[in-house]
Amino acid sequence: FGLIRAITARFPGGDGLLIGPGDDAALLAAPDGRVVATT
């Protein structure tokens, strides 16, 4: 958890990021209603 805190401290938020790191999952806006995903 210390490593997670150190990493996430480097990441700024943004308008589309409604809930960022810290909860069970993040929440991002999806204006189109569809999400393109790749891994």
PDB file of all heavy atoms in Angstrom:
ATOM      1  N   PHE A   1       0.816  -1.213   0.000  1.00  0.00           N
ATOM      2  CA  PHE A   1       0.000   0.000   0.000  1.00  0.00           C
ATOM      3  C   PHE A   1       0.848   1.260   0.000  1.00  0.00           C
ATOM      4  O   PHE A   1       0.451   2.288  -0.561  1.00  0.00           O
ATOM      5  CB  PHE A   1      -0.972  -0.043   1.178  1.00  0.00           C
ATOM      6  CG  PHE A   1      -1.913  -1.211   1.098  1.00  0.00           C
ATOM      7  CD1 PHE A   1      -1.746  -2.320   1.916  1.00  0.00           C
ATOM      8  CD2 PHE A   1      -2.935  -1.229   0.155  1.00  0.00           C
ATOM      9  CE1 PHE A   1      -2.589  -3.417   1.812  1.00  0.00           C
ATOM     10  CE2 PHE A   1      -3.787  -2.320   0.054  1.00  0.00           C
ATOM     11  CZ  PHE A   1      -3.612  -3.420   0.883  1.00  0.00           C
ATOM     12  N   GLY A   2       2.036   1.162   0.578  1.00  0.00           N
ATOM     13  CA  GLY A   2       2.943   2.291   0.483  1.00  0.00           C
ATOM     14  C   GLY A   2       3.394   2.518  -0.943  1.00  0.00           C
ATOM     15  O   GLY A   2       3.530   3.656  -1.412  1.00  0.00           O
ATOM     16  N   LEU A   3       3.623   1.404  -1.680  1.00  0.00           N
ATOM     17  CA  LEU A   3       4.016   1.511  -3.079  1.00  0.00           C
ATOM     18  C   LEU A   3       2.890   2.113  -3.907  1.00  0.00           C
ATOM     19  O   LEU A   3       3.123   2.977  -4.757  1.00  0.00           O
ATOM     20  CB  LEU A   3       4.399   0.133  -3.617  1.00  0.00           C
ATOM     21  CG  LEU A   3       4.866   0.083  -5.075  1.00  0.00           C
ATOM     22  CD1 LEU A   3       6.103   0.936  -5.291  1.00  0.00           C
ATOM     23  CD2 LEU A   3       5.120  -1.366  -5.506  1.00  0.00           C
ATOM     24  N   ILE A   4       1.653   1.674  -3.641  1.00  0.00           N
ATOM     25  CA  ILE A   4       0.509   2.234  -4.364  1.00  0.00           C
ATOM     26  C   ILE A   4       0.398   3.733  -4.123  1.00  0.00           C
ATOM     27  O   ILE A   4       0.184   4.521  -5.053  1.00  0.00           O
ATOM     28  CB  ILE A   4      -0.792   1.517  -3.959  1.00  0.00           C
ATOM     29  CG1 ILE A   4      -0.788   0.082  -4.495  1.00  0.00           C
ATOM     30  CG2 ILE A   4      -2.019   2.279  -4.468  1.00  0.00           C
ATOM     31  CD1 ILE A   4      -1.948  -0.765  -3.993  1.00  0.00           C
ATOM     32  N   ARG A   5       0.564   4.157  -2.875  1.00  0.00           N
ATOM     33  CA  ARG A   5       0.482   5.596  -2.575  1.00  0.00           C
ATOM     34  C   ARG A   5       1.583   6.370  -3.296  1.00  0.00           C
ATOM     35  O   ARG A   5       1.353   7.467  -3.816  1.00  0.00           O
ATOM     36  CB  ARG A   5       0.558   5.820  -1.062  1.00  0.00           C
ATOM     37  CG  ARG A   5      -0.701   5.434  -0.312  1.00  0.00           C
ATOM     38  CD  ARG A   5      -0.673   5.931   1.126  1.00  0.00           C
ATOM     39  NE  ARG A   5       0.397   5.289   1.896  1.00  0.00           N
ATOM     40  CZ  ARG A   5       0.245   4.158   2.576  1.00  0.00           C
ATOM     41  NH1 ARG A   5      -0.926   3.530   2.573  1.00  0.00           N
ATOM     42  NH2 ARG A   5       1.240   3.642   3.280  1.00  0.00           N
ATOM     43  N   ALA A   6       2.785   5.804  -3.314  1.00  0.00           N
ATOM     44  CA  ALA A   6       3.904   6.483  -3.976  1.00  0.00           C
ATOM     45  C   ALA A   6       3.667   6.621  -5.474  1.00  0.00           C
ATOM     46  O   ALA A   6       3.989   7.647  -6.082  1.00  0.00           O
ATOM     47  CB  ALA A   6       5.207   5.734  -3.705  1.00  0.00           C
ATOM     48  N   ILE A   7       3.094   5.583  -6.076  1.00  0.00           N
ATOM     49  CA  ILE A   7       2.831   5.619  -7.521  1.00  0.00           C
ATOM     50  C   ILE A   7       1.715   6.598  -7.838  1.00  0.00           C
ATOM     51  O   ILE A   7       1.845   7.469  -8.707  1.00  0.00           O
ATOM     52  CB  ILE A   7       2.474   4.210  -8.040  1.00  0.00           C
ATOM     53  CG1 ILE A   7       3.685   3.281  -7.958  1.00  0.00           C
ATOM     54  CG2 ILE A   7       1.964   4.285  -9.484  1.00  0.00           C
ATOM     55  CD1 ILE A   7       3.358   1.823  -8.266  1.00  0.00           C
ATOM     56  N   THR A   8       0.590   6.467  -7.153  1.00  0.00           N
ATOM     57  CA  THR A   8      -0.578   7.290  -7.502  1.00  0.00           C
ATOM     58  C   THR A   8      -0.347   8.770  -7.217  1.00  0.00           C
ATOM     59  O   THR A   8      -1.009   9.620  -7.820  1.00  0.00           O
ATOM     60  CB  THR A   8      -1.831   6.806  -6.759  1.00  0.00           C
ATOM     61  OG1 THR A   8      -1.588   6.787  -5.347  1.00  0.00           O
ATOM     62  CG2 THR A   8      -2.205   5.401  -7.226  1.00  0.00           C
ATOM     63  N   ALA A   9       0.592   9.079  -6.342  1.00  0.00           N
ATOM     64  CA  ALA A   9       0.911  10.485  -6.089  1.00  0.00           C
ATOM     65  C   ALA A   9       1.491  11.166  -7.327  1.00  0.00           C
ATOM     66  O   ALA A   9       1.489  12.403  -7.414  1.00  0.00           O
ATOM     67  CB  ALA A   9       1.887  10.595  -4.921  1.00  0.00           C
ATOM     68  N   ARG A  10       1.984  10.374  -8.299  1.00  0.00           N
ATOM     69  CA  ARG A  10       2.562  10.948  -9.520  1.00  0.00           C
ATOM     70  C   ARG A  10       1.500  11.259 -10.566  1.00  0.00           C
ATOM     71  O   ARG A  10       1.797  11.856 -11.594  1.00  0.00           O
ATOM     72  CB  ARG A  10       3.571   9.972 -10.155  1.00  0.00           C
ATOM     73  CG  ARG A  10       4.437   9.200  -9.197  1.00  0.00           C
ATOM     74  CD  ARG A  10       5.468  10.056  -8.539  1.00  0.00           C
ATOM     75  NE  ARG A  10       6.659  10.253  -9.345  1.00  0.00           N
ATOM     76  CZ  ARG A  10       7.850  10.584  -8.814  1.00  0.00           C
ATOM     77  NH1 ARG A  10       7.970  10.748  -7.492  1.00  0.00           N
ATOM     78  NH2 ARG A  10       8.893  10.793  -9.586  1.00  0.00           N
ATOM     79  N   PHE A  11       0.252  10.806 -10.342  1.00  0.00           N
ATOM     80  CA  PHE A  11      -0.765  10.905 -11.377  1.00  0.00           C
ATOM     81  C   PHE A  11      -1.748  12.032 -11.099  1.00  0.00           C
ATOM     82  O   PHE A  11      -2.442  12.015 -10.079  1.00  0.00           O
ATOM     83  CB  PHE A  11      -1.549   9.582 -11.489  1.00  0.00           C
ATOM     84  CG  PHE A  11      -0.701   8.386 -11.801  1.00  0.00           C
ATOM     85  CD1 PHE A  11      -1.079   7.126 -11.359  1.00  0.00           C
ATOM     86  CD2 PHE A  11       0.466   8.500 -12.538  1.00  0.00           C
ATOM     87  CE1 PHE A  11      -0.316   6.003 -11.655  1.00  0.00           C
ATOM     88  CE2 PHE A  11       1.247   7.393 -12.834  1.00  0.00           C
ATOM     89  CZ  PHE A  11       0.855   6.138 -12.384  1.00  0.00           C
ATOM     90  N   PRO A  12      -1.858  12.998 -12.001  1.00  0.00           N
ATOM     91  CA  PRO A  12      -2.861  14.049 -11.834  1.00  0.00           C
ATOM     92  C   PRO A  12      -4.240  13.522 -12.205  1.00  0.00           C
ATOM     93  O   PRO A  12      -4.377  12.505 -12.884  1.00  0.00           O
ATOM     94  CB  PRO A  12      -2.407  15.119 -12.834  1.00  0.00           C
ATOM     95  CG  PRO A  12      -1.722  14.345 -13.917  1.00  0.00           C
ATOM     96  CD  PRO A  12      -1.055  13.190 -13.221  1.00  0.00           C
ATOM     97  N   GLY A  13      -5.269  14.212 -11.760  1.00  0.00           N
ATOM     98  CA  GLY A  13      -6.627  13.868 -12.152  1.00  0.00           C
ATOM     99  C   GLY A  13      -6.961  14.476 -13.501  1.00  0.00           C
ATOM    100  O   GLY A  13      -6.098  14.956 -14.227  1.00  0.00           O
ATOM    101  N   GLY A  14      -8.226  14.471 -13.834  1.00  0.00           N
ATOM    102  CA  GLY A  14      -8.678  15.055 -15.087  1.00  0.00           C
ATOM    103  C   GLY A  14     -10.183  15.165 -15.085  1.00  0.00           C
ATOM    104  O   GLY A  14     -10.872  14.563 -14.251  1.00  0.00           O
ATOM    105  N   ASP A  15     -10.715  15.926 -16.040  1.00  0.00           N
ATOM    106  CA  ASP A  15     -12.158  16.166 -16.069  1.00  0.00           C
ATOM    107  C   ASP A  15     -12.956  14.880 -16.220  1.00  0.00           C
ATOM    108  O   ASP A  15     -14.053  14.767 -15.687  1.00  0.00           O
ATOM    109  CB  ASP A  15     -12.501  17.118 -17.227  1.00  0.00           C
ATOM    110  CG  ASP A  15     -11.948  18.519 -17.011  1.00  0.00           C
ATOM    111  OD1 ASP A  15     -11.658  18.851 -15.847  1.00  0.00           O
ATOM    112  OD2 ASP A  15     -11.804  19.254 -17.997  1.00  0.00           O
ATOM    113  N   GLY A  16     -12.425  13.919 -16.942  1.00  0.00           N
ATOM    114  CA  GLY A  16     -13.169  12.689 -17.169  1.00  0.00           C
ATOM    115  C   GLY A  16     -13.047  11.673 -16.060  1.00  0.00           C
ATOM    116  O   GLY A  16     -13.731  10.649 -16.076  1.00  0.00           O
ATOM    117  N   LEU A  17     -12.173  11.928 -15.090  1.00  0.00           N
ATOM    118  CA  LEU A  17     -11.966  10.994 -13.980  1.00  0.00           C
ATOM    119  C   LEU A  17     -12.856  11.410 -12.819  1.00  0.00           C
ATOM    120  O   LEU A  17     -12.552  12.362 -12.090  1.00  0.00           O
ATOM    121  CB  LEU A  17     -10.492  10.988 -13.560  1.00  0.00           C
ATOM    122  CG  LEU A  17     -10.104   9.987 -12.475  1.00  0.00           C
ATOM    123  CD1 LEU A  17     -10.373   8.556 -12.929  1.00  0.00           C
ATOM    124  CD2 LEU A  17      -8.627  10.148 -12.097  1.00  0.00           C
ATOM    125  N   LEU A  18     -13.973  10.709 -12.640  1.00  0.00           N
ATOM    126  CA  LEU A  18     -14.948  11.074 -11.614  1.00  0.00           C
ATOM    127  C   LEU A  18     -14.551  10.526 -10.244  1.00  0.00           C
ATOM    128  O   LEU A  18     -14.772  11.177  -9.228  1.00  0.00           O
ATOM    129  CB  LEU A  18     -16.333  10.566 -12.023  1.00  0.00           C
ATOM    130  CG  LEU A  18     -16.797  11.002 -13.426  1.00  0.00           C
ATOM    131  CD1 LEU A  18     -18.171  10.435 -13.724  1.00  0.00           C
ATOM    132  CD2 LEU A  18     -16.785  12.517 -13.546  1.00  0.00           C
ATOM    133  N   ILE A  19     -14.013   9.324 -10.212  1.00  0.00           N
ATOM    134  CA  ILE A  19     -13.466   8.742  -8.983  1.00  0.00           C
ATOM    135  C   ILE A  19     -12.142   8.090  -9.353  1.00  0.00           C
ATOM    136  O   ILE A  19     -12.094   7.209 -10.219  1.00  0.00           O
ATOM    137  CB  ILE A  19     -14.398   7.685  -8.362  1.00  0.00           C
ATOM    138  CG1 ILE A  19     -15.740   8.312  -7.978  1.00  0.00           C
ATOM    139  CG2 ILE A  19     -13.739   7.055  -7.135  1.00  0.00           C
ATOM    140  CD1 ILE A  19     -16.754   7.300  -7.454  1.00  0.00           C
ATOM    141  N   GLY A  20     -11.065   8.518  -8.720  1.00  0.00           N
ATOM    142  CA  GLY A  20      -9.749   8.004  -9.027  1.00  0.00           C
ATOM    143  C   GLY A  20      -9.303   6.940  -8.046  1.00  0.00           C
ATOM    144  O   GLY A  20     -10.132   6.318  -7.358  1.00  0.00           O
ATOM    145  N   PRO A  21      -8.003   6.686  -7.949  1.00  0.00           N
ATOM    146  CA  PRO A  21      -7.481   5.654  -7.064  1.00  0.00           C
ATOM    147  C   PRO A  21      -7.914   5.878  -5.624  1.00  0.00           C
ATOM    148  O   PRO A  21      -8.000   7.011  -5.142  1.00  0.00           O
ATOM    149  CB  PRO A  21      -5.964   5.802  -7.209  1.00  0.00           C
ATOM    150  CG  PRO A  21      -5.774   6.418  -8.562  1.00  0.00           C
ATOM    151  CD  PRO A  21      -6.931   7.357  -8.727  1.00  0.00           C
ATOM    152  N   GLY A  22      -8.188   4.763  -4.920  1.00  0.00           N
ATOM    153  CA  GLY A  22      -8.543   4.850  -3.511  1.00  0.00           C
ATOM    154  C   GLY A  22      -9.792   4.072  -3.158  1.00  0.00           C
ATOM    155  O   GLY A  22     -10.004   3.713  -2.000  1.00  0.00           O
ATOM    156  N   ASP A  23     -10.662   3.831  -4.132  1.00  0.00           N
ATOM    157  CA  ASP A  23     -11.846   3.008  -3.913  1.00  0.00           C
ATOM    158  C   ASP A  23     -11.652   1.637  -4.546  1.00  0.00           C
ATOM    159  O   ASP A  23     -10.618   1.340  -5.134  1.00  0.00           O
ATOM    160  CB  ASP A  23     -13.082   3.708  -4.485  1.00  0.00           C
ATOM    161  CG  ASP A  23     -13.592   4.806  -3.561  1.00  0.00           C
ATOM    162  OD1 ASP A  23     -13.097   5.940  -3.657  1.00  0.00           O
ATOM    163  OD2 ASP A  23     -14.479   4.505  -2.732  1.00  0.00           O
ATOM    164  N   ASP A  24     -12.678   0.789  -4.461  1.00  0.00           N
ATOM    165  CA  ASP A  24     -12.574  -0.542  -5.046  1.00  0.00           C
ATOM    166  C   ASP A  24     -12.425  -0.488  -6.555  1.00  0.00           C
ATOM    167  O   ASP A  24     -11.877  -1.406  -7.171  1.00  0.00           O
ATOM    168  CB  ASP A  24     -13.809  -1.369  -4.692  1.00  0.00           C
ATOM    169  CG  ASP A  24     -13.766  -1.859  -3.249  1.00  0.00           C
ATOM    170  OD1 ASP A  24     -12.730  -1.659  -2.596  1.00  0.00           O
ATOM    171  OD2 ASP A  24     -14.764  -2.432  -2.787  1.00  0.00           O
ATOM    172  N   ALA A  25     -12.937   0.552  -7.177  1.00  0.00           N
ATOM    173  CA  ALA A  25     -12.838   0.718  -8.623  1.00  0.00           C
ATOM    174  C   ALA A  25     -12.877   2.203  -8.938  1.00  0.00           C
ATOM    175  O   ALA A  25     -13.343   3.017  -8.137  1.00  0.00           O
ATOM    176  CB  ALA A  25     -13.962  -0.015  -9.349  1.00  0.00           C
ATOM    177  N   ALA A  26     -12.386   2.552 -10.087  1.00  0.00           N
ATOM    178  CA  ALA A  26     -12.425   3.938 -10.542  1.00  0.00           C
ATOM    179  C   ALA A  26     -13.721   4.192 -11.305  1.00  0.00           C
ATOM    180  O   ALA A  26     -14.426   3.256 -11.708  1.00  0.00           O
ATOM    181  CB  ALA A  26     -11.222   4.229 -11.432  1.00  0.00           C
ATOM    182  N   LEU A  27     -14.013   5.463 -11.535  1.00  0.00           N
ATOM    183  CA  LEU A  27     -15.194   5.852 -12.304  1.00  0.00           C
ATOM    184  C   LEU A  27     -14.779   6.916 -13.300  1.00  0.00           C
ATOM    185  O   LEU A  27     -14.273   7.974 -12.922  1.00  0.00           O
ATOM    186  CB  LEU A  27     -16.295   6.391 -11.378  1.00  0.00           C
ATOM    187  CG  LEU A  27     -17.612   6.802 -12.052  1.00  0.00           C
ATOM    188  CD1 LEU A  27     -18.293   5.592 -12.685  1.00  0.00           C
ATOM    189  CD2 LEU A  27     -18.538   7.474 -11.048  1.00  0.00           C
ATOM    190  N   LEU A  28     -14.971   6.608 -14.584  1.00  0.00           N
ATOM    191  CA  LEU A  28     -14.640   7.551 -15.642  1.00  0.00           C
ATOM    192  C   LEU A  28     -15.898   7.903 -16.420  1.00  0.00           C
ATOM    193  O   LEU A  28     -16.792   7.064 -16.602  1.00  0.00           O
ATOM    194  CB  LEU A  28     -13.611   6.967 -16.617  1.00  0.00           C
ATOM    195  CG  LEU A  28     -12.167   6.856 -16.121  1.00  0.00           C
ATOM    196  CD1 LEU A  28     -11.956   5.539 -15.403  1.00  0.00           C
ATOM    197  CD2 LEU A  28     -11.190   6.977 -17.279  1.00  0.00           C
ATOM    198  N   ALA A  29     -15.965   9.118 -16.903  1.00  0.00           N
ATOM    199  CA  ALA A  29     -17.076   9.530 -17.751  1.00  0.00           C
ATOM    200  C   ALA A  29     -16.980   8.805 -19.094  1.00  0.00           C
ATOM    201  O   ALA A  29     -15.884   8.536 -19.591  1.00  0.00           O
ATOM    202  CB  ALA A  29     -17.044  11.044 -17.970  1.00  0.00           C
ATOM    203  N   ALA A  30     -18.128   8.499 -19.670  1.00  0.00           N
ATOM    204  CA  ALA A  30     -18.194   7.863 -20.989  1.00  0.00           C
ATOM    205  C   ALA A  30     -19.239   8.615 -21.811  1.00  0.00           C
ATOM    206  O   ALA A  30     -20.364   8.142 -21.986  1.00  0.00           O
ATOM    207  CB  ALA A  30     -18.544   6.390 -20.866  1.00  0.00           C
ATOM    208  N   PRO A  31     -18.884   9.805 -22.303  1.00  0.00           N
ATOM    209  CA  PRO A  31     -19.875  10.660 -22.983  1.00  0.00           C
ATOM    210  C   PRO A  31     -20.574   9.976 -24.149  1.00  0.00           C
ATOM    211  O   PRO A  31     -21.752  10.221 -24.399  1.00  0.00           O
ATOM    212  CB  PRO A  31     -19.029  11.847 -23.470  1.00  0.00           C
ATOM    213  CG  PRO A  31     -17.839  11.868 -22.571  1.00  0.00           C
ATOM    214  CD  PRO A  31     -17.564  10.441 -22.238  1.00  0.00           C
ATOM    215  N   ASP A  32     -19.884   9.115 -24.860  1.00  0.00           N
ATOM    216  CA  ASP A  32     -20.454   8.455 -26.033  1.00  0.00           C
ATOM    217  C   ASP A  32     -21.459   7.366 -25.659  1.00  0.00           C
ATOM    218  O   ASP A  32     -22.293   6.990 -26.467  1.00  0.00           O
ATOM    219  CB  ASP A  32     -19.320   7.862 -26.871  1.00  0.00           C
ATOM    220  CG  ASP A  32     -19.812   7.142 -28.114  1.00  0.00           C
ATOM    221  OD1 ASP A  32     -20.066   7.823 -29.128  1.00  0.00           O
ATOM    222  OD2 ASP A  32     -19.951   5.903 -28.064  1.00  0.00           O
ATOM    223  N   GLY A  33     -21.336   6.844 -24.440  1.00  0.00           N
ATOM    224  CA  GLY A  33     -22.166   5.721 -24.042  1.00  0.00           C
ATOM    225  C   GLY A  33     -21.581   4.377 -24.419  1.00  0.00           C
ATOM    226  O   GLY A  33     -22.121   3.330 -24.056  1.00  0.00           O
ATOM    227  N   ARG A  34     -20.499   4.380 -25.169  1.00  0.00           N
ATOM    228  CA  ARG A  34     -19.746   3.179 -25.513  1.00  0.00           C
ATOM    229  C   ARG A  34     -18.305   3.389 -25.075  1.00  0.00           C
ATOM    230  O   ARG A  34     -17.822   4.518 -25.080  1.00  0.00           O
ATOM    231  CB  ARG A  34     -19.793   2.908 -27.016  1.00  0.00           C
ATOM    232  CG  ARG A  34     -21.182   2.679 -27.598  1.00  0.00           C
ATOM    233  CD  ARG A  34     -21.149   2.709 -29.115  1.00  0.00           C
ATOM    234  NE  ARG A  34     -20.775   4.029 -29.623  1.00  0.00           N
ATOM    235  CZ  ARG A  34     -20.530   4.284 -30.915  1.00  0.00           C
ATOM    236  NH1 ARG A  34     -20.612   3.314 -31.809  1.00  0.00           N
ATOM    237  NH2 ARG A  34     -20.210   5.500 -31.296  1.00  0.00           N
ATOM    238  N   VAL A  35     -17.616   2.320 -24.715  1.00  0.00           N
ATOM    239  CA  VAL A  35     -16.228   2.415 -24.266  1.00  0.00           C
ATOM    240  C   VAL A  35     -15.357   1.505 -25.119  1.00  0.00           C
ATOM    241  O   VAL A  35     -15.636   0.309 -25.241  1.00  0.00           O
ATOM    242  CB  VAL A  35     -16.083   2.026 -22.778  1.00  0.00           C
ATOM    243  CG1 VAL A  35     -14.615   2.046 -22.366  1.00  0.00           C
ATOM    244  CG2 VAL A  35     -16.894   2.970 -21.894  1.00  0.00           C
ATOM    245  N   VAL A  36     -14.324   2.060 -25.717  1.00  0.00           N
ATOM    246  CA  VAL A  36     -13.309   1.268 -26.399  1.00  0.00           C
ATOM    247  C   VAL A  36     -12.310   0.800 -25.348  1.00  0.00           C
ATOM    248  O   VAL A  36     -11.866   1.595 -24.517  1.00  0.00           O
ATOM    249  CB  VAL A  36     -12.591   2.107 -27.477  1.00  0.00           C
ATOM    250  CG1 VAL A  36     -11.406   1.349 -28.062  1.00  0.00           C
ATOM    251  CG2 VAL A  36     -13.575   2.491 -28.584  1.00  0.00           C
ATOM    252  N   ALA A  37     -11.971  -0.474 -25.352  1.00  0.00           N
ATOM    253  CA  ALA A  37     -11.060  -1.023 -24.338  1.00  0.00           C
ATOM    254  C   ALA A  37     -10.031  -1.927 -25.002  1.00  0.00           C
ATOM    255  O   ALA A  37     -10.344  -2.680 -25.927  1.00  0.00           O
ATOM    256  CB  ALA A  37     -11.842  -1.812 -23.295  1.00  0.00           C
ATOM    257  N   THR A  38      -8.805  -1.841 -24.527  1.00  0.00           N
ATOM    258  CA  THR A  38      -7.723  -2.696 -25.020  1.00  0.00           C
ATOM    259  C   THR A  38      -6.758  -2.969 -23.885  1.00  0.00           C
ATOM    260  O   THR A  38      -6.687  -2.201 -22.917  1.00  0.00           O
ATOM    261  CB  THR A  38      -6.988  -2.025 -26.206  1.00  0.00           C
ATOM    262  OG1 THR A  38      -6.005  -2.928 -26.728  1.00  0.00           O
ATOM    263  CG2 THR A  38      -6.300  -0.741 -25.778  1.00  0.00           C
ATOM    264  N   THR A  39      -6.031  -4.060 -23.969  1.00  0.00           N
ATOM    265  CA  THR A  39      -5.083  -4.390 -22.905  1.00  0.00           C
ATOM    266  C   THR A  39      -3.838  -5.034 -23.491  1.00  0.00           C
ATOM    267  O   THR A  39      -3.885  -5.642 -24.561  1.00  0.00           O
ATOM    268  CB  THR A  39      -5.738  -5.330 -21.867  1.00  0.00           C
ATOM    269  OG1 THR A  39      -4.908  -5.449 -20.719  1.00  0.00           O
ATOM    270  CG2 THR A  39      -5.975  -6.711 -22.444  1.00  0.00           C
TER     271      THR A  39
END
